[in-house]
Amino acid sequence: MKNKRLKVYYIGQTLGGIRDIKTTLDKVGADLFILDHIDDESELISRIIDADGLITVYTPITRRVFSKLKNCKAVLRTGVGFDVVDIEAATEFGVAVINVPDMWTQEVANQALTLLLACNRKLLTVDSNVRKGDWSDIIPGKVGPLYGETLGVIGVGRIGSAFARRVAMLDLNIIGYDPYTSPELFKQLNIEQASLVELLSRSDYVSIHCPLNEETHHMINESMLNLMKPTAYLINTARGAIIDEEALIKALHQGVIAGAGLDAFEIEPPKPINDLLKMKNVVLSAHVGHFSDASMARRPKRFGEEIARVFSGQTPINLVNLEVNDKLNLK
């Protein structure tokens, strides 16, 4: 009798490379099945009830979902953030949660730098003026020099550190807030360690690079925005809900801050009525910070490899819930 094949469901948009995932999983006796993003929890459960592993783009894997999956051993989130997965429930039900925070560090750091420069140089406004025939060698409004100004980095992990190294070349004074990063790393990066309040109060530019969790949800709220300089810009290439979007819109309308560069929104894609879409002092991109031809080409194989490691009794490269090892005994 042939051994039963394992089942892995990929839920959400795929951008090529599926063959690489299938090839990698086949080596451990697993088959891959592709599903579109599913909003309805009951429908999701019915479609993946026999899953041994999951790969999710944005579809939430909740406690109820975990409670129904009797065979599931691994869930991989196809990005850095893992807020769509109930980590506590996964650990309770013996499921390894995996992310891939090292796959596009350089790309996201580059995106943050791009948004910073676009805001500083008012690139969209200048581009629009030229196209309309309004030729002027003066950039309208206040334009900081960057060199000698202060940049605040919230979250000095992989991406925050890579971003800090890039902006150091612009002769900015860099301060950082990260309660989970050692003082030694701040010294290595030549970043002055500061509290969140101090960072927001002193910075001419603030760039967010922390994960979204209960601690950071709406961390940048109305009271925090009111601490910022009226000439300051807020950059976010992390998760949209780290910022209270309603409070940000209010701050931008009232001139509490000068502008923003956003690669992430609370609701993605943003609704057409979202005021951010109409503001000239905001530079927007569609959560594309991770994207390059190179990063997209290497990720499918990695997805398959990480799930395969768990099926083979090995610890994945990035195991989010280390406590699950008490149940899975990964080596």
C-alpha atoms as a PDB file:
ATOM      1  CA  MET A   1       0.000   0.000   0.000  1.00  0.00           C
ATOM      2  CA  LYS A   2       1.401   3.372  -1.008  1.00  0.00           C
ATOM      3  CA  ASN A   3       2.154   5.871   1.714  1.00  0.00           C
ATOM      4  CA  LYS A   4      -0.412   8.628   1.984  1.00  0.00           C
ATOM      5  CA  ARG A   5       0.713  11.881   0.354  1.00  0.00           C
ATOM      6  CA  LEU A   6       0.805  14.977   2.522  1.00  0.00           C
ATOM      7  CA  LYS A   7      -1.259  18.009   1.494  1.00  0.00           C
ATOM      8  CA  VAL A   8      -0.083  21.622   1.508  1.00  0.00           C
ATOM      9  CA  TYR A   9      -2.447  24.458   0.575  1.00  0.00           C
ATOM     10  CA  TYR A  10      -1.162  27.751  -0.826  1.00  0.00           C
ATOM     11  CA  ILE A  11      -3.827  30.388  -0.054  1.00  0.00           C
ATOM     12  CA  GLY A  12      -3.749  33.704  -1.881  1.00  0.00           C
ATOM     13  CA  GLN A  13      -2.183  35.364  -4.886  1.00  0.00           C
ATOM     14  CA  THR A  14       0.669  33.495  -6.527  1.00  0.00           C
ATOM     15  CA  LEU A  15       3.256  35.327  -8.616  1.00  0.00           C
ATOM     16  CA  GLY A  16       5.030  32.471 -10.325  1.00  0.00           C
ATOM     17  CA  GLY A  17       7.486  29.846  -9.162  1.00  0.00           C
ATOM     18  CA  ILE A  18       4.829  27.360  -8.084  1.00  0.00           C
ATOM     19  CA  ARG A  19       6.756  24.590  -9.827  1.00  0.00           C
ATOM     20  CA  ASP A  20       9.682  25.230  -7.466  1.00  0.00           C
ATOM     21  CA  ILE A  21       7.426  24.784  -4.437  1.00  0.00           C
ATOM     22  CA  LYS A  22       5.924  21.598  -5.868  1.00  0.00           C
ATOM     23  CA  THR A  23       9.330  20.135  -6.671  1.00  0.00           C
ATOM     24  CA  THR A  24      10.631  20.813  -3.176  1.00  0.00           C
ATOM     25  CA  LEU A  25       7.549  19.402  -1.457  1.00  0.00           C
ATOM     26  CA  ASP A  26       7.485  16.327  -3.688  1.00  0.00           C
ATOM     27  CA  LYS A  27      10.817  15.265  -2.182  1.00  0.00           C
ATOM     28  CA  VAL A  28       9.110  14.828   1.205  1.00  0.00           C
ATOM     29  CA  GLY A  29       5.984  13.178  -0.199  1.00  0.00           C
ATOM     30  CA  ALA A  30       3.750  16.252  -0.251  1.00  0.00           C
ATOM     31  CA  ASP A  31       1.461  17.733  -2.893  1.00  0.00           C
ATOM     32  CA  LEU A  32       0.624  21.409  -3.335  1.00  0.00           C
ATOM     33  CA  PHE A  33      -2.899  22.770  -3.900  1.00  0.00           C
ATOM     34  CA  ILE A  34      -3.575  26.391  -4.888  1.00  0.00           C
ATOM     35  CA  LEU A  35      -6.519  28.367  -3.465  1.00  0.00           C
ATOM     36  CA  ASP A  36      -7.561  31.988  -3.875  1.00  0.00           C
ATOM     37  CA  HIS A  37      -7.754  34.241  -0.822  1.00  0.00           C
ATOM     38  CA  ILE A  38     -10.786  33.174   1.235  1.00  0.00           C
ATOM     39  CA  ASP A  39     -12.546  35.663   3.517  1.00  0.00           C
ATOM     40  CA  ASP A  40     -15.199  33.355   4.934  1.00  0.00           C
ATOM     41  CA  GLU A  41     -13.754  31.337   7.824  1.00  0.00           C
ATOM     42  CA  SER A  42     -16.170  28.431   7.456  1.00  0.00           C
ATOM     43  CA  GLU A  43     -15.447  28.127   3.748  1.00  0.00           C
ATOM     44  CA  LEU A  44     -11.720  28.248   4.433  1.00  0.00           C
ATOM     45  CA  ILE A  45     -11.978  25.424   6.960  1.00  0.00           C
ATOM     46  CA  SER A  46     -13.988  23.265   4.578  1.00  0.00           C
ATOM     47  CA  ARG A  47     -11.412  23.753   1.811  1.00  0.00           C
ATOM     48  CA  ILE A  48      -8.315  23.024   3.919  1.00  0.00           C
ATOM     49  CA  ILE A  49      -9.678  20.586   6.509  1.00  0.00           C
ATOM     50  CA  ASP A  50      -7.215  17.857   5.457  1.00  0.00           C
ATOM     51  CA  ALA A  51      -4.163  20.140   5.344  1.00  0.00           C
ATOM     52  CA  ASP A  52      -0.812  18.944   6.627  1.00  0.00           C
ATOM     53  CA  GLY A  53       0.687  22.350   5.903  1.00  0.00           C
ATOM     54  CA  LEU A  54      -0.404  25.850   4.855  1.00  0.00           C
ATOM     55  CA  ILE A  55       1.198  28.723   2.983  1.00  0.00           C
ATOM     56  CA  THR A  56      -0.794  31.930   3.411  1.00  0.00           C
ATOM     57  CA  VAL A  57      -0.364  35.315   1.790  1.00  0.00           C
ATOM     58  CA  TYR A  58      -2.965  37.383   3.680  1.00  0.00           C
ATOM     59  CA  THR A  59      -5.736  34.943   4.618  1.00  0.00           C
ATOM     60  CA  PRO A  60      -6.076  34.847   8.441  1.00  0.00           C
ATOM     61  CA  ILE A  61      -5.371  31.521  10.122  1.00  0.00           C
ATOM     62  CA  THR A  62      -7.339  31.893  13.358  1.00  0.00           C
ATOM     63  CA  ARG A  63      -7.813  29.843  16.509  1.00  0.00           C
ATOM     64  CA  ARG A  64     -11.008  28.357  15.094  1.00  0.00           C
ATOM     65  CA  VAL A  65      -9.188  27.313  11.929  1.00  0.00           C
ATOM     66  CA  PHE A  66      -6.393  25.676  13.935  1.00  0.00           C
ATOM     67  CA  SER A  67      -8.916  23.845  16.105  1.00  0.00           C
ATOM     68  CA  LYS A  68     -10.363  22.131  13.021  1.00  0.00           C
ATOM     69  CA  LEU A  69      -7.072  21.134  11.361  1.00  0.00           C
ATOM     70  CA  LYS A  70      -6.183  17.798  12.902  1.00  0.00           C
ATOM     71  CA  ASN A  71      -3.165  17.029  10.695  1.00  0.00           C
ATOM     72  CA  CYS A  72      -1.567  20.440  10.223  1.00  0.00           C
ATOM     73  CA  LYS A  73       2.057  20.744  11.344  1.00  0.00           C
ATOM     74  CA  ALA A  74       3.243  23.952   9.664  1.00  0.00           C
ATOM     75  CA  VAL A  75       1.942  27.354   8.534  1.00  0.00           C
ATOM     76  CA  LEU A  76       4.162  29.640   6.508  1.00  0.00           C
ATOM     77  CA  ARG A  77       3.400  33.334   6.076  1.00  0.00           C
ATOM     78  CA  THR A  78       4.865  34.579   2.796  1.00  0.00           C
ATOM     79  CA  GLY A  79       6.484  37.686   4.227  1.00  0.00           C
ATOM     80  CA  VAL A  80       8.022  39.314   7.262  1.00  0.00           C
ATOM     81  CA  GLY A  81       4.876  40.040   9.267  1.00  0.00           C
ATOM     82  CA  PHE A  82       2.874  37.164  10.746  1.00  0.00           C
ATOM     83  CA  ASP A  83      -0.031  39.093  12.268  1.00  0.00           C
ATOM     84  CA  VAL A  84      -2.546  37.097  10.183  1.00  0.00           C
ATOM     85  CA  VAL A  85      -1.654  33.946  12.130  1.00  0.00           C
ATOM     86  CA  ASP A  86      -2.840  33.304  15.703  1.00  0.00           C
ATOM     87  CA  ILE A  87       0.548  32.363  17.168  1.00  0.00           C
ATOM     88  CA  GLU A  88      -0.769  31.330  20.587  1.00  0.00           C
ATOM     89  CA  ALA A  89      -3.338  28.998  19.036  1.00  0.00           C
ATOM     90  CA  ALA A  90      -0.786  27.551  16.628  1.00  0.00           C
ATOM     91  CA  THR A  91       1.527  26.689  19.512  1.00  0.00           C
ATOM     92  CA  GLU A  92      -1.330  25.197  21.514  1.00  0.00           C
ATOM     93  CA  PHE A  93      -2.315  22.929  18.621  1.00  0.00           C
ATOM     94  CA  GLY A  94       1.276  21.964  17.807  1.00  0.00           C
ATOM     95  CA  VAL A  95       1.692  23.878  14.554  1.00  0.00           C
ATOM     96  CA  ALA A  96       4.996  25.475  13.581  1.00  0.00           C
ATOM     97  CA  VAL A  97       4.604  29.062  12.349  1.00  0.00           C
ATOM     98  CA  ILE A  98       7.211  30.194   9.848  1.00  0.00           C
ATOM     99  CA  ASN A  99       7.985  33.543   8.237  1.00  0.00           C
ATOM    100  CA  VAL A 100      10.705  34.684   5.854  1.00  0.00           C
ATOM    101  CA  PRO A 101      12.083  37.963   7.244  1.00  0.00           C
ATOM    102  CA  ASP A 102      15.404  37.686   5.429  1.00  0.00           C
ATOM    103  CA  MET A 103      14.111  37.340   1.872  1.00  0.00           C
ATOM    104  CA  TRP A 104      13.820  41.013   0.896  1.00  0.00           C
ATOM    105  CA  THR A 105      15.600  43.053   3.529  1.00  0.00           C
ATOM    106  CA  GLN A 106      17.519  45.067   0.945  1.00  0.00           C
ATOM    107  CA  GLU A 107      14.423  45.712  -1.180  1.00  0.00           C
ATOM    108  CA  VAL A 108      12.335  47.095   1.693  1.00  0.00           C
ATOM    109  CA  ALA A 109      15.235  49.230   2.911  1.00  0.00           C
ATOM    110  CA  ASN A 110      15.525  50.611  -0.614  1.00  0.00           C
ATOM    111  CA  GLN A 111      11.797  51.330  -0.720  1.00  0.00           C
ATOM    112  CA  ALA A 112      11.993  53.279   2.537  1.00  0.00           C
ATOM    113  CA  LEU A 113      14.916  55.282   1.168  1.00  0.00           C
ATOM    114  CA  THR A 114      12.968  55.944  -2.043  1.00  0.00           C
ATOM    115  CA  LEU A 115       9.962  57.251  -0.116  1.00  0.00           C
ATOM    116  CA  LEU A 116      12.200  59.381   2.099  1.00  0.00           C
ATOM    117  CA  LEU A 117      13.879  61.022  -0.891  1.00  0.00           C
ATOM    118  CA  ALA A 118      10.591  61.437  -2.769  1.00  0.00           C
ATOM    119  CA  CYS A 119       9.084  63.239   0.232  1.00  0.00           C
ATOM    120  CA  ASN A 120      12.127  65.408   0.828  1.00  0.00           C
ATOM    121  CA  ARG A 121      12.483  66.436  -2.832  1.00  0.00           C
ATOM    122  CA  LYS A 122       8.677  66.640  -3.324  1.00  0.00           C
ATOM    123  CA  LEU A 123       9.197  64.503  -6.359  1.00  0.00           C
ATOM    124  CA  LEU A 124       5.539  63.933  -7.253  1.00  0.00           C
ATOM    125  CA  THR A 125       4.749  67.653  -7.101  1.00  0.00           C
ATOM    126  CA  VAL A 126       7.777  68.594  -9.202  1.00  0.00           C
ATOM    127  CA  ASP A 127       7.057  65.842 -11.728  1.00  0.00           C
ATOM    128  CA  SER A 128       3.434  66.963 -12.038  1.00  0.00           C
ATOM    129  CA  ASN A 129       4.465  70.603 -12.513  1.00  0.00           C
ATOM    130  CA  VAL A 130       6.902  69.752 -15.300  1.00  0.00           C
ATOM    131  CA  ARG A 131       4.284  67.675 -17.121  1.00  0.00           C
ATOM    132  CA  LYS A 132       1.836  70.607 -16.905  1.00  0.00           C
ATOM    133  CA  GLY A 133       4.410  72.962 -18.410  1.00  0.00           C
ATOM    134  CA  ASP A 134       5.106  74.727 -15.126  1.00  0.00           C
ATOM    135  CA  TRP A 135       8.883  74.925 -15.424  1.00  0.00           C
ATOM    136  CA  SER A 136      10.557  76.258 -12.290  1.00  0.00           C
ATOM    137  CA  ASP A 137      13.957  75.615 -10.788  1.00  0.00           C
ATOM    138  CA  ILE A 138      12.525  76.149  -7.307  1.00  0.00           C
ATOM    139  CA  ILE A 139      10.874  73.367  -5.325  1.00  0.00           C
ATOM    140  CA  PRO A 140       7.740  74.833  -3.699  1.00  0.00           C
ATOM    141  CA  GLY A 141       7.460  75.024   0.078  1.00  0.00           C
ATOM    142  CA  LYS A 142      10.040  74.147   2.711  1.00  0.00           C
ATOM    143  CA  VAL A 143      12.698  71.678   1.564  1.00  0.00           C
ATOM    144  CA  GLY A 144      15.133  70.329   4.135  1.00  0.00           C
ATOM    145  CA  PRO A 145      18.728  69.623   3.129  1.00  0.00           C
ATOM    146  CA  LEU A 146      18.756  66.075   4.612  1.00  0.00           C
ATOM    147  CA  TYR A 147      22.403  66.461   5.628  1.00  0.00           C
ATOM    148  CA  GLY A 148      22.476  67.714   9.191  1.00  0.00           C
ATOM    149  CA  GLU A 149      18.803  66.864   9.738  1.00  0.00           C
ATOM    150  CA  THR A 150      17.561  64.127  12.059  1.00  0.00           C
ATOM    151  CA  LEU A 151      16.079  60.794  11.055  1.00  0.00           C
ATOM    152  CA  GLY A 152      14.243  58.588  13.535  1.00  0.00           C
ATOM    153  CA  VAL A 153      14.146  54.828  12.903  1.00  0.00           C
ATOM    154  CA  ILE A 154      11.436  52.879  14.738  1.00  0.00           C
ATOM    155  CA  GLY A 155      12.511  49.237  14.824  1.00  0.00           C
ATOM    156  CA  VAL A 156      16.207  48.509  14.385  1.00  0.00           C
ATOM    157  CA  GLY A 157      15.982  44.908  13.197  1.00  0.00           C
ATOM    158  CA  ARG A 158      17.099  43.511   9.844  1.00  0.00           C
ATOM    159  CA  ILE A 159      15.335  46.082   7.679  1.00  0.00           C
ATOM    160  CA  GLY A 160      15.704  49.001  10.067  1.00  0.00           C
ATOM    161  CA  SER A 161      19.441  48.342  10.283  1.00  0.00           C
ATOM    162  CA  ALA A 162      19.795  48.062   6.500  1.00  0.00           C
ATOM    163  CA  PHE A 163      17.878  51.317   6.078  1.00  0.00           C
ATOM    164  CA  ALA A 164      20.042  53.069   8.688  1.00  0.00           C
ATOM    165  CA  ARG A 165      23.204  52.030   6.850  1.00  0.00           C
ATOM    166  CA  ARG A 166      21.850  53.546   3.651  1.00  0.00           C
ATOM    167  CA  VAL A 167      20.751  56.876   5.096  1.00  0.00           C
ATOM    168  CA  ALA A 168      24.039  57.259   6.971  1.00  0.00           C
ATOM    169  CA  MET A 169      25.568  58.086   3.591  1.00  0.00           C
ATOM    170  CA  LEU A 170      23.306  61.154   3.425  1.00  0.00           C
ATOM    171  CA  ASP A 171      24.950  62.669   6.523  1.00  0.00           C
ATOM    172  CA  LEU A 172      21.762  62.569   8.556  1.00  0.00           C
ATOM    173  CA  ASN A 173      21.827  62.370  12.323  1.00  0.00           C
ATOM    174  CA  ILE A 174      20.162  59.030  13.104  1.00  0.00           C
ATOM    175  CA  ILE A 175      18.288  58.206  16.302  1.00  0.00           C
ATOM    176  CA  GLY A 176      16.457  54.947  16.934  1.00  0.00           C
ATOM    177  CA  TYR A 177      13.800  53.365  19.104  1.00  0.00           C
ATOM    178  CA  ASP A 178      13.716  49.622  19.656  1.00  0.00           C
ATOM    179  CA  PRO A 179      13.263  48.202  23.175  1.00  0.00           C
ATOM    180  CA  TYR A 180      14.286  44.735  21.935  1.00  0.00           C
ATOM    181  CA  THR A 181      17.594  45.660  20.305  1.00  0.00           C
ATOM    182  CA  SER A 182      20.861  45.658  22.244  1.00  0.00           C
ATOM    183  CA  PRO A 183      22.737  48.905  22.924  1.00  0.00           C
ATOM    184  CA  GLU A 184      25.728  47.303  21.188  1.00  0.00           C
ATOM    185  CA  LEU A 185      23.904  47.224  17.853  1.00  0.00           C
ATOM    186  CA  PHE A 186      22.962  50.886  18.210  1.00  0.00           C
ATOM    187  CA  LYS A 187      26.647  51.657  18.739  1.00  0.00           C
ATOM    188  CA  GLN A 188      27.711  49.534  15.756  1.00  0.00           C
ATOM    189  CA  LEU A 189      25.282  51.416  13.518  1.00  0.00           C
ATOM    190  CA  ASN A 190      26.190  54.783  15.018  1.00  0.00           C
ATOM    191  CA  ILE A 191      22.551  55.326  16.008  1.00  0.00           C
ATOM    192  CA  GLU A 192      21.647  57.277  19.104  1.00  0.00           C
ATOM    193  CA  GLN A 193      19.187  55.301  21.235  1.00  0.00           C
ATOM    194  CA  ALA A 194      16.072  57.239  22.231  1.00  0.00           C
ATOM    195  CA  SER A 195      12.590  56.770  23.640  1.00  0.00           C
ATOM    196  CA  LEU A 196       9.663  56.830  21.230  1.00  0.00           C
ATOM    197  CA  VAL A 197       8.527  60.218  22.546  1.00  0.00           C
ATOM    198  CA  GLU A 198      11.988  61.701  22.153  1.00  0.00           C
ATOM    199  CA  LEU A 199      12.396  60.255  18.668  1.00  0.00           C
ATOM    200  CA  LEU A 200       9.099  61.678  17.424  1.00  0.00           C
ATOM    201  CA  SER A 201       9.785  65.070  18.974  1.00  0.00           C
ATOM    202  CA  ARG A 202      13.279  65.480  17.536  1.00  0.00           C
ATOM    203  CA  SER A 203      13.064  63.863  14.096  1.00  0.00           C
ATOM    204  CA  ASP A 204      12.667  65.616  10.764  1.00  0.00           C
ATOM    205  CA  TYR A 205      11.862  62.233   9.212  1.00  0.00           C
ATOM    206  CA  VAL A 206      10.489  59.128  10.940  1.00  0.00           C
ATOM    207  CA  SER A 207      10.682  55.688   9.307  1.00  0.00           C
ATOM    208  CA  ILE A 208       8.797  52.673  10.696  1.00  0.00           C
ATOM    209  CA  HIS A 209      10.360  49.196  10.573  1.00  0.00           C
ATOM    210  CA  CYS A 210       8.766  47.287  13.467  1.00  0.00           C
ATOM    211  CA  PRO A 211       6.357  44.313  13.327  1.00  0.00           C
ATOM    212  CA  LEU A 212       2.625  44.669  13.855  1.00  0.00           C
ATOM    213  CA  ASN A 213       1.421  43.115  17.102  1.00  0.00           C
ATOM    214  CA  GLU A 214      -0.690  44.060  20.123  1.00  0.00           C
ATOM    215  CA  GLU A 215       2.071  46.322  21.374  1.00  0.00           C
ATOM    216  CA  THR A 216       2.551  48.224  18.123  1.00  0.00           C
ATOM    217  CA  HIS A 217      -1.036  48.384  16.813  1.00  0.00           C
ATOM    218  CA  HIS A 218      -1.837  52.111  16.419  1.00  0.00           C
ATOM    219  CA  MET A 219       1.423  52.907  18.189  1.00  0.00           C
ATOM    220  CA  ILE A 220       1.568  56.071  16.079  1.00  0.00           C
ATOM    221  CA  ASN A 221      -1.721  57.625  17.168  1.00  0.00           C
ATOM    222  CA  GLU A 222      -2.992  61.190  17.415  1.00  0.00           C
ATOM    223  CA  SER A 223      -1.053  62.002  20.583  1.00  0.00           C
ATOM    224  CA  MET A 224       2.170  60.638  19.075  1.00  0.00           C
ATOM    225  CA  LEU A 225       1.663  62.519  15.806  1.00  0.00           C
ATOM    226  CA  ASN A 226       1.138  65.727  17.759  1.00  0.00           C
ATOM    227  CA  LEU A 227       4.667  65.333  19.124  1.00  0.00           C
ATOM    228  CA  MET A 228       6.176  65.594  15.637  1.00  0.00           C
ATOM    229  CA  LYS A 229       7.472  68.746  13.998  1.00  0.00           C
ATOM    230  CA  PRO A 230       5.109  70.460  11.535  1.00  0.00           C
ATOM    231  CA  THR A 231       7.916  70.103   8.969  1.00  0.00           C
ATOM    232  CA  ALA A 232       8.401  66.363   9.596  1.00  0.00           C
ATOM    233  CA  TYR A 233       7.606  63.425   7.307  1.00  0.00           C
ATOM    234  CA  LEU A 234       6.408  59.957   8.327  1.00  0.00           C
ATOM    235  CA  ILE A 235       7.581  56.923   6.292  1.00  0.00           C
ATOM    236  CA  ASN A 236       5.996  53.471   6.676  1.00  0.00           C
ATOM    237  CA  THR A 237       7.145  50.346   4.836  1.00  0.00           C
ATOM    238  CA  ALA A 238       6.076  47.972   7.628  1.00  0.00           C
ATOM    239  CA  ARG A 239       2.372  47.398   8.408  1.00  0.00           C
ATOM    240  CA  GLY A 240      -0.406  49.921   7.905  1.00  0.00           C
ATOM    241  CA  ALA A 241      -2.092  49.384  11.263  1.00  0.00           C
ATOM    242  CA  ILE A 242       1.006  50.477  13.184  1.00  0.00           C
ATOM    243  CA  ILE A 243      -0.297  53.959  12.342  1.00  0.00           C
ATOM    244  CA  ASP A 244      -3.792  55.084  13.284  1.00  0.00           C
ATOM    245  CA  GLU A 245      -4.707  55.991   9.722  1.00  0.00           C
ATOM    246  CA  GLU A 246      -7.629  58.207  10.691  1.00  0.00           C
ATOM    247  CA  ALA A 247      -5.348  60.176  13.015  1.00  0.00           C
ATOM    248  CA  LEU A 248      -2.705  60.446  10.279  1.00  0.00           C
ATOM    249  CA  ILE A 249      -5.229  61.831   7.795  1.00  0.00           C
ATOM    250  CA  LYS A 250      -6.325  64.399  10.363  1.00  0.00           C
ATOM    251  CA  ALA A 251      -2.704  65.362  11.080  1.00  0.00           C
ATOM    252  CA  LEU A 252      -1.977  65.792   7.369  1.00  0.00           C
ATOM    253  CA  HIS A 253      -5.106  67.885   6.807  1.00  0.00           C
ATOM    254  CA  GLN A 254      -4.320  70.146   9.745  1.00  0.00           C
ATOM    255  CA  GLY A 255      -0.626  70.550   9.013  1.00  0.00           C
ATOM    256  CA  VAL A 256       0.468  68.768  12.174  1.00  0.00           C
ATOM    257  CA  ILE A 257       3.132  67.104   9.994  1.00  0.00           C
ATOM    258  CA  ALA A 258       4.319  68.034   6.509  1.00  0.00           C
ATOM    259  CA  GLY A 259       3.671  64.767   4.712  1.00  0.00           C
ATOM    260  CA  ALA A 260       4.056  61.009   4.523  1.00  0.00           C
ATOM    261  CA  GLY A 261       5.449  58.214   2.376  1.00  0.00           C
ATOM    262  CA  LEU A 262       3.391  55.037   2.709  1.00  0.00           C
ATOM    263  CA  ASP A 263       3.871  51.537   1.333  1.00  0.00           C
ATOM    264  CA  ALA A 264       1.276  50.073   3.711  1.00  0.00           C
ATOM    265  CA  PHE A 265      -2.339  50.861   4.634  1.00  0.00           C
ATOM    266  CA  GLU A 266      -4.706  49.706   7.364  1.00  0.00           C
ATOM    267  CA  ILE A 267      -6.992  48.259   4.683  1.00  0.00           C
ATOM    268  CA  GLU A 268      -5.335  46.978   1.525  1.00  0.00           C
ATOM    269  CA  PRO A 269      -6.105  47.944  -1.106  1.00  0.00           C
ATOM    270  CA  PRO A 270      -7.367  51.260   0.308  1.00  0.00           C
ATOM    271  CA  LYS A 271     -10.970  52.150  -0.390  1.00  0.00           C
ATOM    272  CA  PRO A 272     -11.498  54.779  -3.133  1.00  0.00           C
ATOM    273  CA  ILE A 273     -12.875  57.207  -0.512  1.00  0.00           C
ATOM    274  CA  ASN A 274      -9.627  57.100   1.496  1.00  0.00           C
ATOM    275  CA  ASP A 275      -8.430  60.719   1.818  1.00  0.00           C
ATOM    276  CA  LEU A 276      -4.801  59.641   1.514  1.00  0.00           C
ATOM    277  CA  LEU A 277      -5.421  58.990  -2.188  1.00  0.00           C
ATOM    278  CA  LYS A 278      -6.256  62.668  -2.743  1.00  0.00           C
ATOM    279  CA  MET A 279      -3.398  64.296  -0.843  1.00  0.00           C
ATOM    280  CA  LYS A 280      -0.539  65.924  -2.708  1.00  0.00           C
ATOM    281  CA  ASN A 281       1.779  65.763   0.289  1.00  0.00           C
ATOM    282  CA  VAL A 282       1.627  61.963   0.465  1.00  0.00           C
ATOM    283  CA  VAL A 283       3.664  59.511  -1.639  1.00  0.00           C
ATOM    284  CA  LEU A 284       1.963  56.129  -1.963  1.00  0.00           C
ATOM    285  CA  SER A 285       2.935  52.659  -3.161  1.00  0.00           C
ATOM    286  CA  ALA A 286       0.980  49.398  -3.122  1.00  0.00           C
ATOM    287  CA  HIS A 287       2.896  47.422  -0.468  1.00  0.00           C
ATOM    288  CA  VAL A 288       5.576  46.660  -3.062  1.00  0.00           C
ATOM    289  CA  GLY A 289       8.605  47.243  -0.850  1.00  0.00           C
ATOM    290  CA  HIS A 290       9.529  43.553  -0.986  1.00  0.00           C
ATOM    291  CA  PHE A 291       9.541  43.437  -4.772  1.00  0.00           C
ATOM    292  CA  SER A 292      12.437  42.921  -7.139  1.00  0.00           C
ATOM    293  CA  ASP A 293      12.946  40.327  -9.855  1.00  0.00           C
ATOM    294  CA  ALA A 294      15.616  38.687  -7.697  1.00  0.00           C
ATOM    295  CA  SER A 295      13.553  38.530  -4.490  1.00  0.00           C
ATOM    296  CA  MET A 296      10.522  37.172  -6.303  1.00  0.00           C
ATOM    297  CA  ALA A 297      12.575  34.495  -8.068  1.00  0.00           C
ATOM    298  CA  ARG A 298      14.135  33.064  -4.913  1.00  0.00           C
ATOM    299  CA  ARG A 299      11.133  32.970  -2.609  1.00  0.00           C
ATOM    300  CA  PRO A 300       9.016  30.019  -3.957  1.00  0.00           C
ATOM    301  CA  LYS A 301      11.752  27.451  -3.423  1.00  0.00           C
ATOM    302  CA  ARG A 302      12.294  28.798   0.092  1.00  0.00           C
ATOM    303  CA  PHE A 303       8.579  28.453   0.912  1.00  0.00           C
ATOM    304  CA  GLY A 304       8.665  24.799  -0.050  1.00  0.00           C
ATOM    305  CA  GLU A 305      11.940  24.161   1.759  1.00  0.00           C
ATOM    306  CA  GLU A 306      10.666  25.587   5.047  1.00  0.00           C
ATOM    307  CA  ILE A 307       7.498  23.465   5.037  1.00  0.00           C
ATOM    308  CA  ALA A 308       9.554  20.429   3.991  1.00  0.00           C
ATOM    309  CA  ARG A 309      11.911  20.936   6.927  1.00  0.00           C
ATOM    310  CA  VAL A 310       9.047  20.603   9.398  1.00  0.00           C
ATOM    311  CA  PHE A 311       7.701  17.503   7.632  1.00  0.00           C
ATOM    312  CA  SER A 312      11.216  16.018   7.915  1.00  0.00           C
ATOM    313  CA  GLY A 313      11.466  16.776  11.624  1.00  0.00           C
ATOM    314  CA  GLN A 314      13.894  19.656  11.178  1.00  0.00           C
ATOM    315  CA  THR A 315      13.677  23.195  12.550  1.00  0.00           C
ATOM    316  CA  PRO A 316      12.905  25.779   9.833  1.00  0.00           C
ATOM    317  CA  ILE A 317      15.274  28.712   9.368  1.00  0.00           C
ATOM    318  CA  ASN A 318      12.743  31.146  10.838  1.00  0.00           C
ATOM    319  CA  LEU A 319      10.509  29.461  13.394  1.00  0.00           C
ATOM    320  CA  VAL A 320       8.281  32.130  14.947  1.00  0.00           C
ATOM    321  CA  ASN A 321       6.864  30.107  17.841  1.00  0.00           C
ATOM    322  CA  LEU A 322       9.913  28.401  19.318  1.00  0.00           C
ATOM    323  CA  GLU A 323       7.747  26.996  22.124  1.00  0.00           C
ATOM    324  CA  VAL A 324       6.068  24.618  19.679  1.00  0.00           C
ATOM    325  CA  ASN A 325       9.233  22.516  19.752  1.00  0.00           C
ATOM    326  CA  ASP A 326       8.025  21.023  23.017  1.00  0.00           C
ATOM    327  CA  LYS A 327       5.357  19.249  20.939  1.00  0.00           C
ATOM    328  CA  LEU A 328       7.056  18.778  17.556  1.00  0.00           C
ATOM    329  CA  ASN A 329      10.588  17.909  18.729  1.00  0.00           C
ATOM    330  CA  LEU A 330      12.202  19.480  15.692  1.00  0.00           C
ATOM    331  CA  LYS A 331      15.963  19.040  15.384  1.00  0.00           C
END
